[in-house]
């Protein structure tokens, strides 16, 4: 045994002597050149090409590394049966756990029929001297191995594969990260970070599956949204800003807000709820637009109540309303004065430039959604294509919409025998005439959701009452003509009254006169509609 240890010591001494001799005879530059030549020689005979993607590029973070990490997380989850070790993480503002490759582990991916291998390489970084920006202790990166034959056959394989990774990573990021609902605070104040928007987590559960609208219309909207999201190259090729506008109009309670939430959940976009009554000028409106992010939905609800954007044709609604109630201008509705007083009001021109002007292209992949109960009261300039590209009428509940509500609230599928067939036929025969909104029908179903039979029977009775009331209103108002909007004048009386009271409440803090609240309220109500109530008030 002693002879073996003696021989080993002699051998190690010889090796140390040879190493010293080589270091003396061959300088470091020569050794480096020899190693480089050997590496090139080995690469020449190798059948693979390697691509390195480091976590940090110089002093900046490599976004491609983050995209590859997210993309491989989905691949690792699907390949968990073959992977030897996986890491589990959950990002900030994320509600789901993602998989990832552990240190120095490998995973195989297939793209366009080509087998590609990824390796996650993690090494310790050498000790640093003083630095203004300390580097991480570990040096991380991904190495992609591709066969030379596959790369030679497909010249653009790497470019297409990296584009595919970037797109999938963006989808995963939007799916995992919580969405936010933003609003602009009063007076244009800024938050602690200097942003003009205040945010809360967006948790609305509405989806297109639960939305009570016609299935064909629902499919059309979903296809249009998907084409918009996938249309970056089309918009660049045609020279158009990557944005799209939707106008949702219809009676109150038909699901316009739920439609916006379903669109946000379907696309994974944030929502910016713009309150125009809190914006004091066109320049502030532009600043708010500049502070919105890409992949977002900018919403202005009840735009006919926020601004006076009525039809500017002579003798139109705007002219009559301006003459009867002394509004400042048919083009201005918010602010403390007119356009001449330091530009402290939003004009129709400013809103049009907001949606379709040069400033609207500051950002990409954004959707504008306006809602209104009376499309006929909006100026035609706001409705044209390029501003509001798609007009979506949110109608009263139809039989197809009712089936969705019955499935959502009662769990009733079409063709099930839990409900009397005669009751369903009665509902089908009266639902169109009753003109009942999905919100009203939902309330009836919620009250009786524990008893399916009672729920549909009470719904049938309510529909019959609404239909009879509508027929009586139609007979009593036969000589009065049809009301503008969505039905006869009698059926829209409540809706018109709600709209007028809403406008009056918005005007109350902006009228600087000695009138009391009742007089101001009455001055904002159409005398033709509420003439009797006006006389009663004067008599008291």
Protein backbone atom coordinates (compact mmCIF):
# COMPACT_ATOMS: atom_id res chain seq x y z
CA UNK A 1 0.00 0.00 0.00
CA UNK A 2 2.89 2.31 0.79
CA UNK A 3 4.33 1.73 -2.70
CA UNK A 4 1.07 2.83 -4.31
CA UNK A 5 0.97 6.12 -2.37
CA UNK A 6 4.65 6.71 -3.19
CA UNK A 7 3.97 6.20 -6.89
CA UNK A 8 0.97 8.55 -6.78
CA UNK A 9 3.00 11.28 -5.10
CA UNK A 10 5.75 10.91 -7.70
CA UNK A 11 3.16 11.15 -10.53
CA UNK A 12 1.60 14.29 -9.09
CA UNK A 13 5.01 15.86 -8.79
CA UNK A 14 5.72 15.11 -12.44
CA UNK A 15 2.38 16.66 -13.47
CA UNK A 16 3.06 19.80 -11.42
CA UNK A 17 6.50 20.09 -13.05
CA UNK A 18 4.96 19.70 -16.53
CA UNK A 19 2.33 22.34 -15.78
CA UNK A 20 4.99 24.77 -14.65
CA UNK A 21 7.07 23.99 -17.73
CA UNK A 22 4.11 24.52 -20.07
CA UNK A 23 3.18 27.82 -18.38
CA UNK A 24 6.77 28.99 -18.81
CA UNK A 25 7.28 27.84 -22.38
CA UNK A 26 3.76 28.62 -23.67
CA UNK A 27 2.46 32.09 -22.71
CA UNK A 28 -1.26 32.60 -21.84
CA UNK A 29 -1.98 34.18 -25.22
CA UNK A 30 -0.71 31.11 -27.02
CA UNK A 31 -2.69 28.78 -24.78
CA UNK A 32 -5.88 30.84 -25.39
CA UNK A 33 -5.33 30.70 -29.16
CA UNK A 34 -4.83 26.94 -28.99
CA UNK A 35 -8.01 26.44 -26.97
CA UNK A 36 -9.94 28.62 -29.40
CA UNK A 37 -8.59 26.64 -32.35
CA UNK A 38 -9.59 23.37 -30.71
CA UNK A 39 -13.10 24.73 -30.03
CA UNK A 40 -13.50 25.80 -33.64
CA UNK A 41 -12.30 22.43 -34.81
CA UNK A 42 -14.85 20.70 -32.60
CA UNK A 43 -17.61 23.07 -33.77
CA UNK A 44 -16.81 22.31 -37.40
CA UNK A 45 -17.52 18.64 -36.87
CA UNK A 46 -20.49 19.24 -34.54
CA UNK A 47 -24.00 18.78 -35.93
CA UNK A 48 -25.54 21.45 -33.67
CA UNK A 49 -25.70 25.23 -33.51
CA UNK A 50 -25.91 26.93 -30.11
CA UNK A 51 -27.54 30.26 -29.20
CA UNK A 52 -26.99 31.88 -25.79
CA UNK A 53 -29.58 34.18 -24.19
CA UNK A 54 -28.26 35.82 -21.03
CA UNK A 55 -30.35 37.34 -18.27
CA UNK A 56 -28.48 40.65 -18.31
CA UNK A 57 -27.23 42.30 -21.49
CA UNK A 58 -24.49 44.65 -20.33
CA UNK A 59 -26.27 46.62 -17.60
CA UNK A 60 -29.83 46.20 -18.91
CA UNK A 61 -32.24 43.33 -18.40
CA UNK A 62 -32.68 41.12 -21.46
CA UNK A 63 -36.41 41.04 -22.22
CA UNK A 64 -35.92 38.00 -24.44
CA UNK A 65 -34.68 36.06 -21.42
CA UNK A 66 -37.91 36.86 -19.54
CA UNK A 67 -40.00 35.84 -22.54
CA UNK A 68 -38.15 32.52 -22.90
CA UNK A 69 -38.55 31.88 -19.19
CA UNK A 70 -42.32 32.42 -19.36
CA UNK A 71 -42.67 30.37 -22.54
CA UNK A 72 -40.70 27.44 -21.14
CA UNK A 73 -42.81 27.55 -17.99
CA UNK A 74 -45.81 26.36 -20.01
CA UNK A 75 -43.67 23.78 -21.81
CA UNK A 76 -42.30 22.55 -18.48
CA UNK A 77 -45.81 22.19 -17.09
CA UNK A 78 -46.87 20.04 -20.04
CA UNK A 79 -43.63 18.03 -19.90
CA UNK A 80 -43.60 17.54 -16.14
CA UNK A 81 -43.69 13.76 -16.54
CA UNK A 82 -40.29 13.73 -18.29
CA UNK A 83 -38.56 16.66 -16.56
CA UNK A 84 -36.30 15.70 -13.66
CA UNK A 85 -36.58 18.89 -11.62
CA UNK A 86 -38.92 21.90 -11.89
CA UNK A 87 -39.09 25.18 -10.01
CA UNK A 88 -42.41 26.73 -8.92
CA UNK A 89 -42.92 30.51 -8.78
CA UNK A 90 -45.72 33.05 -8.46
CA UNK A 91 -45.18 36.55 -9.79
CA UNK A 92 -46.32 39.80 -8.19
CA UNK A 93 -50.05 40.52 -8.78
CA UNK A 94 -50.45 36.98 -10.09
CA UNK A 95 -53.09 34.49 -8.99
CA UNK A 96 -51.51 31.36 -10.52
CA UNK A 97 -48.35 29.33 -10.00
CA UNK A 98 -45.98 28.88 -12.93
CA UNK A 99 -43.48 26.13 -13.63
CA UNK A 100 -39.87 26.71 -14.60
CA UNK A 101 -36.61 24.93 -15.31
CA UNK A 102 -34.29 24.33 -12.40
CA UNK A 103 -30.63 25.21 -12.54
CA UNK A 104 -28.70 23.45 -15.32
CA UNK A 105 -31.72 21.41 -16.40
CA UNK A 106 -32.84 20.79 -19.99
CA UNK A 107 -36.16 20.60 -21.81
CA UNK A 108 -37.07 19.72 -25.39
CA UNK A 109 -39.48 21.77 -27.49
CA UNK A 110 -40.88 21.19 -30.99
CA UNK A 111 -41.64 23.98 -33.45
CA UNK A 112 -42.60 23.64 -37.09
CA UNK A 113 -41.55 19.99 -37.00
CA UNK A 114 -38.05 20.79 -35.67
CA UNK A 115 -36.76 19.47 -32.35
CA UNK A 116 -35.12 22.15 -30.22
CA UNK A 117 -33.41 21.74 -26.86
CA UNK A 118 -33.21 24.39 -24.15
CA UNK A 119 -30.75 24.32 -21.25
CA UNK A 120 -30.95 26.63 -18.23
CA UNK A 121 -27.36 27.44 -17.26
CA UNK A 122 -26.64 28.99 -13.86
CA UNK A 123 -23.08 29.74 -12.73
CA UNK A 124 -21.58 31.74 -9.89
CA UNK A 125 -20.39 35.20 -10.87
CA UNK A 126 -16.87 36.20 -9.98
CA UNK A 127 -16.40 38.59 -7.08
CA UNK A 128 -16.98 42.20 -8.09
CA UNK A 129 -15.12 45.35 -7.32
CA UNK A 130 -17.01 48.52 -6.45
CA UNK A 131 -19.90 49.14 -8.85
CA UNK A 132 -22.69 51.70 -9.00
CA UNK A 133 -25.03 48.87 -10.00
CA UNK A 134 -24.20 45.59 -8.26
CA UNK A 135 -24.75 42.51 -10.40
CA UNK A 136 -26.58 39.37 -9.20
CA UNK A 137 -24.42 36.75 -7.54
CA UNK A 138 -25.52 34.17 -10.11
CA UNK A 139 -25.08 34.40 -13.85
CA UNK A 140 -28.13 33.00 -15.55
CA UNK A 141 -28.93 32.26 -19.15
CA UNK A 142 -30.61 29.91 -21.61
CA UNK A 143 -28.81 27.98 -24.35
CA UNK A 144 -30.77 26.90 -27.40
CA UNK A 145 -29.44 23.92 -29.38
CA UNK A 146 -30.61 23.49 -32.98
CA UNK A 147 -29.42 20.97 -35.55
CA UNK A 148 -27.54 22.55 -38.46
CA UNK A 149 -29.56 20.61 -40.99
CA UNK A 150 -32.87 21.99 -39.71
CA UNK A 151 -31.52 25.54 -39.65
CA UNK A 152 -30.24 25.17 -43.22
CA UNK A 153 -33.57 23.88 -44.53
CA UNK A 154 -35.60 26.66 -42.85
CA UNK A 155 -33.76 29.95 -43.27
CA UNK A 156 -36.13 31.91 -41.02
CA UNK A 157 -36.61 29.19 -38.38
CA UNK A 158 -34.95 31.11 -35.54
CA UNK A 159 -36.74 34.38 -36.32
CA UNK A 160 -40.16 32.74 -36.49
CA UNK A 161 -39.47 30.69 -33.38
CA UNK A 162 -38.45 33.73 -31.32
CA UNK A 163 -41.52 35.65 -32.54
CA UNK A 164 -43.63 32.69 -31.48
CA UNK A 165 -41.99 32.69 -28.04
CA UNK A 166 -42.54 36.44 -27.58
CA UNK A 167 -46.22 36.18 -28.53
CA UNK A 168 -46.90 33.20 -26.25
CA UNK A 169 -45.04 34.86 -23.38
CA UNK A 170 -47.22 37.96 -23.74
CA UNK A 171 -50.36 35.83 -23.59
CA UNK A 172 -49.12 34.00 -20.50
CA UNK A 173 -48.19 37.28 -18.83
CA UNK A 174 -51.64 38.76 -19.46
CA UNK A 175 -53.37 35.57 -18.32
CA UNK A 176 -51.42 35.25 -15.08
CA UNK A 177 -51.24 38.89 -14.07
CA UNK A 178 -54.19 40.52 -12.38
CA UNK A 179 -55.97 43.21 -14.37
CA UNK A 180 -56.71 46.69 -13.07
CA UNK A 181 -59.55 49.16 -13.35
CA UNK A 182 -58.34 52.76 -13.61
CA UNK A 183 -60.23 56.01 -13.15
CA UNK A 184 -59.22 59.67 -13.29
CA UNK A 185 -59.55 61.47 -9.92
CA UNK A 186 -61.32 64.75 -9.42
CA UNK A 187 -59.41 67.85 -10.44
CA UNK A 188 -56.70 65.96 -12.34
CA UNK A 189 -54.70 65.21 -9.17
CA UNK A 190 -51.73 62.83 -9.36
CA UNK A 191 -51.02 59.78 -7.24
CA UNK A 192 -47.80 59.14 -5.29
CA UNK A 193 -46.00 58.01 -8.45
CA UNK A 194 -47.09 61.03 -10.46
CA UNK A 195 -49.74 59.18 -12.48
CA UNK A 196 -53.11 60.80 -13.25
CA UNK A 197 -54.96 57.47 -12.89
CA UNK A 198 -56.07 55.66 -9.74
CA UNK A 199 -56.24 51.87 -9.93
CA UNK A 200 -58.02 49.02 -8.17
CA UNK A 201 -57.85 45.30 -9.01
CA UNK A 202 -60.39 44.32 -11.65
CA UNK A 203 -62.32 41.25 -10.50
CA UNK A 204 -65.49 41.42 -12.59
CA UNK A 205 -66.66 37.84 -13.36
CA UNK A 206 -68.51 38.64 -16.60
CA UNK A 207 -67.50 36.58 -19.64
CA UNK A 208 -68.94 36.02 -23.09
CA UNK A 209 -70.26 32.67 -21.87
CA UNK A 210 -72.42 34.38 -19.23
CA UNK A 211 -73.38 37.39 -21.38
CA UNK A 212 -77.08 37.41 -22.28
CA UNK A 213 -77.02 38.51 -25.92
CA UNK A 214 -77.80 36.85 -29.22
CA UNK A 215 -75.29 34.02 -29.90
CA UNK A 216 -74.63 35.14 -33.47
CA UNK A 217 -73.91 38.70 -32.34
CA UNK A 218 -71.70 37.36 -29.55
CA UNK A 219 -69.69 35.28 -32.01
CA UNK A 220 -69.32 38.26 -34.35
CA UNK A 221 -67.95 40.45 -31.55
CA UNK A 222 -65.50 37.80 -30.35
CA UNK A 223 -64.20 37.22 -33.89
CA UNK A 224 -63.76 40.96 -34.39
CA UNK A 225 -61.82 41.28 -31.13
CA UNK A 226 -59.57 38.36 -32.01
CA UNK A 227 -58.84 39.77 -35.46
CA UNK A 228 -57.94 43.08 -33.86
CA UNK A 229 -55.50 41.47 -31.42
CA UNK A 230 -53.83 39.46 -34.19
CA UNK A 231 -53.80 42.36 -36.67
CA UNK A 232 -50.56 44.19 -35.80
CA UNK A 233 -48.99 43.48 -39.20
CA UNK A 234 -52.21 44.42 -40.99
CA UNK A 235 -52.45 47.79 -39.24
CA UNK A 236 -48.79 48.53 -39.91
CA UNK A 237 -49.16 47.57 -43.56
CA UNK A 238 -52.22 49.75 -44.09
CA UNK A 239 -50.78 52.73 -42.19
CA UNK A 240 -53.52 52.79 -39.55
CA UNK A 241 -53.14 53.30 -35.82
CA UNK A 242 -53.56 49.99 -34.00
CA UNK A 243 -56.82 50.83 -32.25
CA UNK A 244 -60.51 50.10 -32.61
CA UNK A 245 -63.70 51.77 -31.42
CA UNK A 246 -66.95 50.18 -30.24
CA UNK A 247 -70.21 51.98 -29.53
CA UNK A 248 -72.62 50.14 -27.23
CA UNK A 249 -76.11 51.61 -27.34
CA UNK A 250 -79.48 50.47 -26.11
CA UNK A 251 -81.92 50.82 -23.22
CA UNK A 252 -80.65 50.83 -19.61
CA UNK A 253 -80.18 47.38 -18.11
CA UNK A 254 -79.29 45.57 -21.34
CA UNK A 255 -75.74 44.66 -20.28
CA UNK A 256 -73.48 47.36 -21.72
CA UNK A 257 -71.18 47.41 -18.67
CA UNK A 258 -71.15 43.61 -18.56
CA UNK A 259 -70.13 43.60 -22.22
CA UNK A 260 -67.13 45.81 -21.43
CA UNK A 261 -66.08 43.51 -18.58
CA UNK A 262 -66.45 40.46 -20.82
CA UNK A 263 -64.26 42.10 -23.47
CA UNK A 264 -61.57 42.86 -20.88
CA UNK A 265 -61.63 39.31 -19.51
CA UNK A 266 -61.58 37.81 -23.00
CA UNK A 267 -58.54 39.83 -24.11
CA UNK A 268 -56.80 40.17 -20.75
CA UNK A 269 -56.77 43.99 -21.00
CA UNK A 270 -56.87 46.65 -18.31
CA UNK A 271 -59.79 49.10 -18.26
CA UNK A 272 -59.50 52.89 -18.08
CA UNK A 273 -62.86 54.31 -17.04
CA UNK A 274 -62.67 57.94 -18.15
CA UNK A 275 -64.97 60.32 -16.27
CA UNK A 276 -65.29 63.29 -18.59
CA UNK A 277 -66.99 65.49 -16.00
CA UNK A 278 -63.71 65.51 -14.01
CA UNK A 279 -61.61 66.63 -17.00
CA UNK A 280 -61.28 70.40 -17.26
CA UNK A 281 -59.68 70.91 -20.68
CA UNK A 282 -58.72 69.29 -23.96
CA UNK A 283 -55.04 69.36 -23.00
CA UNK A 284 -55.77 67.42 -19.80
CA UNK A 285 -57.70 64.90 -21.88
CA UNK A 286 -54.63 64.37 -24.08
CA UNK A 287 -52.41 63.93 -21.03
CA UNK A 288 -54.73 61.24 -19.70
CA UNK A 289 -54.55 59.45 -23.04
CA UNK A 290 -50.75 59.58 -23.02
CA UNK A 291 -50.66 57.91 -19.59
CA UNK A 292 -52.70 54.90 -20.66
CA UNK A 293 -50.88 51.67 -21.43
CA UNK A 294 -51.06 49.47 -24.47
CA UNK A 295 -53.37 46.46 -24.40
CA UNK A 296 -56.10 48.40 -22.63
CA UNK A 297 -59.75 49.41 -23.04
CA UNK A 298 -60.61 53.09 -22.65
CA UNK A 299 -64.25 53.44 -21.61
CA UNK A 300 -66.58 56.46 -21.57
CA UNK A 301 -69.96 55.41 -20.22
CA UNK A 302 -73.19 57.36 -20.84
CA UNK A 303 -71.38 59.77 -23.11
CA UNK A 304 -74.62 61.55 -23.95
CA UNK A 305 -74.91 62.52 -20.26
CA UNK A 306 -71.25 63.50 -19.81
CA UNK A 307 -70.96 65.93 -22.71
CA UNK A 308 -73.38 67.67 -25.02
CA UNK A 309 -72.40 65.73 -28.13
CA UNK A 310 -75.76 66.04 -29.81
CA UNK A 311 -76.54 66.34 -33.47
CA UNK A 312 -75.43 69.80 -34.63
CA UNK A 313 -77.91 69.98 -37.52
CA UNK A 314 -80.10 73.11 -37.55
CA UNK A 315 -83.30 72.56 -35.63
CA UNK A 316 -82.03 69.30 -34.18
CA UNK A 317 -82.22 68.10 -30.63
CA UNK A 318 -79.15 70.05 -29.57
CA UNK A 319 -80.53 73.33 -30.91
CA UNK A 320 -83.89 72.86 -29.17
CA UNK A 321 -82.25 71.88 -25.91
CA UNK A 322 -79.87 74.84 -26.06
CA UNK A 323 -82.71 77.28 -26.76
CA UNK A 324 -85.01 75.89 -24.08
CA UNK A 325 -82.50 75.58 -21.24
CA UNK A 326 -79.78 78.11 -22.06
CA UNK A 327 -76.87 75.65 -22.16
CA UNK A 328 -73.54 77.44 -22.66
CA UNK A 329 -72.98 76.05 -26.15
CA UNK A 330 -74.07 73.07 -28.25
CA UNK A 331 -70.41 72.02 -28.26
CA UNK A 332 -69.63 72.37 -24.57
CA UNK A 333 -71.22 70.82 -21.51
CA UNK A 334 -68.60 70.49 -18.76
CA UNK A 335 -66.50 73.07 -16.96
CA UNK A 336 -67.30 76.34 -15.29
CA UNK A 337 -67.55 78.46 -18.40
CA UNK A 338 -67.11 78.45 -22.13
CA UNK A 339 -64.15 77.83 -24.40
CA UNK A 340 -63.07 81.43 -24.17
CA UNK A 341 -62.49 81.29 -20.41
CA UNK A 342 -58.96 79.87 -20.33
CA UNK A 343 -59.93 76.74 -22.28
CA UNK A 344 -61.36 75.06 -19.17
CA UNK A 345 -63.99 72.92 -20.95
CA UNK A 346 -63.92 69.89 -23.21
CA UNK A 347 -65.17 70.45 -26.72
CA UNK A 348 -66.47 68.00 -29.25
CA UNK A 349 -63.38 68.72 -31.32
CA UNK A 350 -61.16 67.75 -28.41
CA UNK A 351 -62.99 64.46 -27.93
CA UNK A 352 -62.79 63.65 -31.64
CA UNK A 353 -59.05 64.26 -31.62
CA UNK A 354 -58.82 62.10 -28.52
CA UNK A 355 -60.31 59.11 -30.34
CA UNK A 356 -59.05 59.63 -33.89
CA UNK A 357 -56.44 62.41 -33.95
CA UNK A 358 -52.68 62.34 -33.95
CA UNK A 359 -52.57 61.79 -30.20
CA UNK A 360 -54.64 58.62 -30.45
CA UNK A 361 -51.66 56.76 -31.94
CA UNK A 362 -49.51 57.36 -28.83
CA UNK A 363 -49.57 53.70 -27.90
CA UNK A 364 -50.86 50.60 -29.61
CA UNK A 365 -53.42 47.82 -29.24
CA UNK A 366 -56.00 49.99 -27.52
CA UNK A 367 -59.78 49.80 -27.70
CA UNK A 368 -62.17 52.71 -27.23
CA UNK A 369 -65.66 51.83 -25.95
CA UNK A 370 -68.44 54.43 -25.66
CA UNK A 371 -71.87 53.64 -24.22
CA UNK A 372 -75.11 55.56 -24.58
CA UNK A 373 -78.82 54.99 -24.09
CA UNK A 374 -79.74 57.27 -27.01
CA UNK A 375 -77.59 57.01 -30.10
CA UNK A 376 -79.76 59.56 -31.91
CA UNK A 377 -78.58 62.26 -29.50
CA UNK A 378 -74.90 61.88 -30.48
CA UNK A 379 -73.21 63.98 -33.13
CA UNK A 380 -72.68 62.06 -36.41
CA UNK A 381 -68.99 63.03 -36.39
CA UNK A 382 -68.51 60.83 -33.33
CA UNK A 383 -70.20 57.84 -34.93
CA UNK A 384 -68.28 57.53 -38.17
CA UNK A 385 -65.85 54.69 -38.91
CA UNK A 386 -62.37 55.29 -37.59
CA UNK A 387 -63.81 56.55 -34.32
CA UNK A 388 -66.60 54.13 -33.56
CA UNK A 389 -65.86 51.29 -35.98
CA UNK A 390 -68.49 48.86 -34.73
CA UNK A 391 -71.94 49.83 -33.46
CA UNK A 392 -73.44 47.18 -31.16
CA UNK A 393 -77.11 47.44 -30.27
CA UNK A 394 -77.79 45.98 -26.82
CA UNK A 395 -81.41 45.01 -27.20
CA UNK A 396 -84.15 43.85 -24.88
CA UNK A 397 -84.02 40.24 -23.84
CA UNK A 398 -84.83 37.77 -26.61
CA UNK A 399 -85.53 34.06 -26.28
CA UNK A 400 -81.92 33.22 -27.13
CA UNK A 401 -80.71 35.62 -24.45
CA UNK A 402 -83.21 34.22 -21.96
CA UNK A 403 -81.80 30.72 -22.41
CA UNK A 404 -78.41 32.04 -21.32
CA UNK A 405 -79.94 33.64 -18.23
CA UNK A 406 -81.83 30.44 -17.36
CA UNK A 407 -78.58 28.51 -17.61
CA UNK A 408 -76.68 31.05 -15.49
CA UNK A 409 -79.21 31.48 -12.67
CA UNK A 410 -81.21 28.24 -12.64
CA UNK A 411 -78.85 25.77 -14.30
CA UNK A 412 -81.42 24.97 -16.97
CA UNK A 413 -80.07 23.62 -20.24
CA UNK A 414 -82.08 23.74 -23.45
CA UNK A 415 -84.23 20.62 -23.82
CA UNK A 416 -84.29 19.69 -20.13
CA UNK A 417 -87.63 18.59 -18.69
CA UNK A 418 -87.41 20.36 -15.32
CA UNK A 419 -89.76 23.13 -16.48
CA UNK A 420 -93.25 22.86 -17.91
CA UNK A 421 -93.07 23.07 -21.69
CA UNK A 422 -96.29 25.09 -21.84
CA UNK A 423 -94.74 27.78 -19.63
CA UNK A 424 -91.69 28.01 -21.89
CA UNK A 425 -93.90 28.32 -24.96
CA UNK A 426 -95.87 31.07 -23.24
CA UNK A 427 -92.66 32.94 -22.48
CA UNK A 428 -91.50 32.55 -26.06
CA UNK A 429 -94.75 34.02 -27.35
CA UNK A 430 -94.71 37.14 -25.17
CA UNK A 431 -91.05 37.98 -24.54
CA UNK A 432 -90.57 40.07 -27.68
CA UNK A 433 -93.66 42.17 -27.00
CA UNK A 434 -92.88 42.68 -23.30
CA UNK A 435 -89.52 44.36 -24.03
CA UNK A 436 -87.98 43.36 -20.71
CA UNK A 437 -84.29 43.96 -20.13
CA UNK A 438 -81.88 41.21 -19.04
CA UNK A 439 -81.37 43.07 -15.74
CA UNK A 440 -85.10 42.93 -14.91
CA UNK A 441 -85.34 39.26 -15.88
CA UNK A 442 -82.25 38.46 -13.80
CA UNK A 443 -83.88 39.99 -10.73
CA UNK A 444 -86.94 37.76 -11.13
CA UNK A 445 -84.75 34.67 -11.47
CA UNK A 446 -82.55 35.61 -8.50
CA UNK A 447 -85.55 35.92 -6.19
CA UNK A 448 -86.72 32.39 -7.06
CA UNK A 449 -83.45 30.64 -7.91
CA UNK A 450 -84.13 27.84 -5.41
CA UNK A 451 -87.35 26.82 -7.18
CA UNK A 452 -86.94 26.54 -10.96
CA UNK A 453 -90.59 25.99 -11.70
CA UNK A 454 -91.71 28.95 -9.62
CA UNK A 455 -89.03 31.15 -11.22
CA UNK A 456 -90.20 30.58 -14.79
CA UNK A 457 -93.89 30.84 -13.83
CA UNK A 458 -93.33 34.19 -12.12
CA UNK A 459 -91.26 35.32 -15.07
CA UNK A 460 -94.12 34.48 -17.43
CA UNK A 461 -96.56 36.48 -15.28
CA UNK A 462 -94.20 39.47 -15.23
CA UNK A 463 -93.73 39.32 -18.99
CA UNK A 464 -97.49 39.27 -19.50
CA UNK A 465 -97.91 42.29 -17.21
CA UNK A 466 -95.23 44.19 -19.12
CA UNK A 467 -96.78 43.30 -22.48
CA UNK A 468 -100.27 44.38 -21.33
CA UNK A 469 -98.90 47.63 -19.90
CA UNK A 470 -97.11 48.29 -23.18
CA UNK A 471 -100.30 47.73 -25.15
CA UNK A 472 -102.21 50.12 -22.87
CA UNK A 473 -99.49 52.76 -23.20
CA UNK A 474 -99.55 52.30 -26.94
CA UNK A 475 -103.31 52.86 -27.08
CA UNK A 476 -103.17 55.89 -24.76
CA UNK A 477 -100.30 57.43 -26.70
CA UNK A 478 -101.48 56.53 -30.19
CA UNK A 479 -101.96 60.15 -31.12
CA UNK A 480 -98.64 61.27 -29.63
CA UNK A 481 -96.35 59.61 -32.16
CA UNK A 482 -93.39 57.33 -31.57
CA UNK A 483 -90.59 58.30 -29.23
CA UNK A 484 -86.99 58.43 -30.45
CA UNK A 485 -84.91 55.57 -29.21
CA UNK A 486 -86.02 52.01 -28.69
CA UNK A 487 -89.79 51.86 -28.45
CA UNK A 488 -93.02 53.78 -28.11
CA UNK A 489 -93.06 57.00 -26.21
CA UNK A 490 -95.12 55.54 -23.41
CA UNK A 491 -92.74 52.62 -22.85
CA UNK A 492 -89.78 54.97 -22.70
CA UNK A 493 -91.30 57.49 -20.27
CA UNK A 494 -89.46 56.08 -17.26
CA UNK A 495 -86.20 55.91 -19.19
CA UNK A 496 -86.52 59.51 -20.37
CA UNK A 497 -87.27 60.68 -16.83
CA UNK A 498 -84.20 58.87 -15.47
CA UNK A 499 -81.99 60.44 -18.13
CA UNK A 500 -83.31 63.93 -17.45
CA UNK A 501 -82.81 63.61 -13.70
CA UNK A 502 -79.29 62.32 -14.28
CA UNK A 503 -78.40 65.32 -16.44
CA UNK A 504 -79.97 67.65 -13.88
CA UNK A 505 -77.91 66.20 -11.03
CA UNK A 506 -74.73 66.71 -13.05
CA UNK A 507 -75.60 70.36 -13.73
CA UNK A 508 -76.51 71.23 -10.11
CA UNK A 509 -72.97 71.99 -8.84
CA UNK A 510 -72.12 73.94 -11.98
CA UNK A 511 -74.94 76.50 -11.96
CA UNK A 512 -73.96 79.64 -10.10
CA UNK A 513 -77.32 81.36 -9.59
CA UNK A 514 -79.76 81.98 -6.73
CA UNK A 515 -82.27 79.32 -7.75
CA UNK A 516 -83.16 76.66 -5.24
CA UNK A 517 -82.65 72.97 -6.05
CA UNK A 518 -86.25 72.32 -7.04
CA UNK A 519 -86.28 75.17 -9.54
CA UNK A 520 -82.97 74.07 -11.05
CA UNK A 521 -84.22 70.52 -11.35
CA UNK A 522 -87.40 71.65 -13.07
CA UNK A 523 -85.45 73.85 -15.48
CA UNK A 524 -83.58 70.76 -16.67
CA UNK A 525 -86.70 68.71 -17.36
CA UNK A 526 -88.46 68.86 -20.69
CA UNK A 527 -91.69 70.86 -20.11
CA UNK A 528 -93.50 68.74 -22.70
CA UNK A 529 -92.84 65.58 -20.71
CA UNK A 530 -93.32 66.82 -17.14
CA UNK A 531 -95.73 69.72 -17.63
CA UNK A 532 -98.24 68.42 -15.10
CA UNK A 533 -95.64 67.85 -12.41
CA UNK A 534 -94.30 71.34 -13.01
CA UNK A 535 -97.75 72.87 -12.47
CA UNK A 536 -98.27 70.86 -9.30
CA UNK A 537 -95.00 72.12 -7.90
CA UNK A 538 -95.90 75.75 -8.64
CA UNK A 539 -99.29 75.37 -7.00
CA UNK A 540 -97.76 74.05 -3.79
